[in-house]
C-alpha atoms as a PDB file:
ATOM      1  CA  MET A   1     -15.728 281.538  87.696  1.00  0.00           C
ATOM      2  CA  GLU A   2     -16.225 279.288  90.720  1.00  0.00           C
ATOM      3  CA  ILE A   3     -15.098 279.488  94.244  1.00  0.00           C
ATOM      4  CA  MET A   4     -13.157 276.195  95.264  1.00  0.00           C
ATOM      5  CA  ARG A   5     -11.110 274.783  98.273  1.00  0.00           C
ATOM      6  CA  VAL A   6      -7.930 273.353  97.678  1.00  0.00           C
ATOM      7  CA  LEU A   7      -7.612 269.695  99.447  1.00  0.00           C
ATOM      8  CA  GLY A   8      -3.745 268.894  98.013  1.00  0.00           C
ATOM      9  CA  ASP A   9      -1.352 268.176  95.203  1.00  0.00           C
ATOM     10  CA  LEU A  10      -2.165 265.815  92.900  1.00  0.00           C
ATOM     11  CA  VAL A  11       1.303 264.115  91.542  1.00  0.00           C
ATOM     12  CA  CYS A  12       1.204 262.631  88.494  1.00  0.00           C
ATOM     13  CA  THR A  13       4.425 261.450  87.101  1.00  0.00           C
ATOM     14  CA  GLN A  14       3.179 260.306  83.633  1.00  0.00           C
ATOM     15  CA  ARG A  15       1.444 262.679  81.370  1.00  0.00           C
ATOM     16  CA  ILE A  16       0.222 263.870  77.782  1.00  0.00           C
ATOM     17  CA  PRO A  17       3.089 266.197  76.376  1.00  0.00           C
ATOM     18  CA  GLY A  18       0.035 268.794  76.919  1.00  0.00           C
ATOM     19  CA  LEU A  19       0.253 269.072  80.560  1.00  0.00           C
ATOM     20  CA  GLN A  20       3.853 269.857  80.320  1.00  0.00           C
ATOM     21  CA  SER A  21       4.876 270.706  83.879  1.00  0.00           C
ATOM     22  CA  ALA A  22       1.983 272.013  85.152  1.00  0.00           C
ATOM     23  CA  SER A  23       1.464 271.711  89.037  1.00  0.00           C
ATOM     24  CA  LEU A  24      -1.664 269.890  89.514  1.00  0.00           C
ATOM     25  CA  ARG A  25      -4.241 270.723  92.733  1.00  0.00           C
ATOM     26  CA  LEU A  26      -7.477 268.689  94.012  1.00  0.00           C
ATOM     27  CA  LEU A  27     -10.264 270.766  94.249  1.00  0.00           C
ATOM     28  CA  GLU A  28     -13.515 270.619  96.258  1.00  0.00           C
ATOM     29  CA  ASN A  29     -16.728 272.648  95.209  1.00  0.00           C
ATOM     30  CA  ASN A  30     -19.240 273.878  97.194  1.00  0.00           C
ATOM     31  CA  LYS A  31     -21.385 270.244  96.870  1.00  0.00           C
ATOM     32  CA  GLY A  32     -18.949 267.954  97.445  1.00  0.00           C
ATOM     33  CA  VAL A  33     -17.806 267.549  93.777  1.00  0.00           C
ATOM     34  CA  ARG A  34     -13.900 267.134  93.725  1.00  0.00           C
ATOM     35  CA  LEU A  35     -12.291 268.277  90.730  1.00  0.00           C
ATOM     36  CA  VAL A  36      -8.264 268.157  89.223  1.00  0.00           C
ATOM     37  CA  ALA A  37      -7.522 272.161  88.606  1.00  0.00           C
ATOM     38  CA  THR A  38      -3.860 273.500  86.986  1.00  0.00           C
ATOM     39  CA  ASP A  39      -1.890 275.980  89.345  1.00  0.00           C
ATOM     40  CA  PRO A  40      -0.234 278.762  87.657  1.00  0.00           C
ATOM     41  CA  VAL A  41      -0.013 280.346  91.391  1.00  0.00           C
ATOM     42  CA  GLY A  42       1.205 277.678  93.973  1.00  0.00           C
ATOM     43  CA  VAL A  43      -1.765 277.664  96.351  1.00  0.00           C
ATOM     44  CA  PRO A  44      -0.898 275.081  99.703  1.00  0.00           C
ATOM     45  CA  PRO A  45      -4.088 272.981 100.804  1.00  0.00           C
ATOM     46  CA  GLY A  46      -6.151 274.418 102.369  1.00  0.00           C
ATOM     47  CA  LYS A  47      -7.038 277.629 100.849  1.00  0.00           C
ATOM     48  CA  TRP A  48      -9.697 279.228  98.637  1.00  0.00           C
ATOM     49  CA  VAL A  49      -9.207 279.609  95.961  1.00  0.00           C
ATOM     50  CA  PHE A  50     -11.148 281.136  92.609  1.00  0.00           C
ATOM     51  CA  THR A  51     -11.303 279.261  89.104  1.00  0.00           C
ATOM     52  CA  ASN A  52     -11.333 279.447  85.856  1.00  0.00           C
ATOM     53  CA  VAL A  53     -13.382 276.862  83.653  1.00  0.00           C
ATOM     54  CA  GLY A  54     -13.402 276.076  79.676  1.00  0.00           C
ATOM     55  CA  SER A  55     -11.277 277.908  77.165  1.00  0.00           C
ATOM     56  CA  ALA A  56     -11.090 280.755  79.968  1.00  0.00           C
ATOM     57  CA  ALA A  57      -8.996 278.429  82.118  1.00  0.00           C
ATOM     58  CA  ARG A  58      -6.294 277.904  79.710  1.00  0.00           C
ATOM     59  CA  LEU A  59      -5.666 281.763  79.025  1.00  0.00           C
ATOM     60  CA  ALA A  60      -4.577 281.774  82.725  1.00  0.00           C
ATOM     61  CA  MET A  61      -2.211 280.025  81.976  1.00  0.00           C
ATOM     62  CA  PRO A  62       1.099 281.147  81.573  1.00  0.00           C
ATOM     63  CA  ASP A  63       1.213 278.819  78.389  1.00  0.00           C
ATOM     64  CA  VAL A  64      -1.400 278.969  76.575  1.00  0.00           C
ATOM     65  CA  THR A  65      -1.137 276.103  74.984  1.00  0.00           C
ATOM     66  CA  VAL A  66      -1.371 274.075  78.099  1.00  0.00           C
ATOM     67  CA  MET A  67      -4.103 271.775  78.373  1.00  0.00           C
ATOM     68  CA  THR A  68      -6.609 272.846  80.652  1.00  0.00           C
ATOM     69  CA  ASP A  69     -10.132 273.345  81.006  1.00  0.00           C
ATOM     70  CA  LEU A  70     -10.072 274.307  84.648  1.00  0.00           C
ATOM     71  CA  THR A  71      -7.401 276.509  86.589  1.00  0.00           C
ATOM     72  CA  ILE A  72      -6.835 278.249  89.877  1.00  0.00           C
ATOM     73  CA  CYS A  73      -6.371 282.170  88.786  1.00  0.00           C
ATOM     74  CA  GLY A  74      -6.013 283.903  92.492  1.00  0.00           C
ATOM     75  CA  ILE A  75      -5.817 282.945  96.409  1.00  0.00           C
ATOM     76  CA  ILE A  76      -8.952 284.356  98.290  1.00  0.00           C
ATOM     77  CA  ASP A  77      -7.523 286.162 101.256  1.00  0.00           C
ATOM     78  CA  ASP A  78     -10.537 286.691 103.415  1.00  0.00           C
ATOM     79  CA  TRP A  79     -13.945 285.320 103.348  1.00  0.00           C
ATOM     80  CA  ASP A  80     -16.388 283.405 105.665  1.00  0.00           C
ATOM     81  CA  ALA A  81     -17.201 280.415 103.633  1.00  0.00           C
END
């Protein structure tokens, strides 16, 4: 797991069937690298979240057939970055 900050929504009108209608968010890790993650919890921009990567990311989605390797698993309520 890794802690990341949500920068905003990522809207894609054309996607492969394996992504279905998963919400996508643009994240930034502690090194400033920007990544795209699926978001089953509905996180607003500016929040800190913890994520799962790899095959565990698929298991964090309500539908495990969604093709993802980075998923937001929860919103961090209190953390001093």
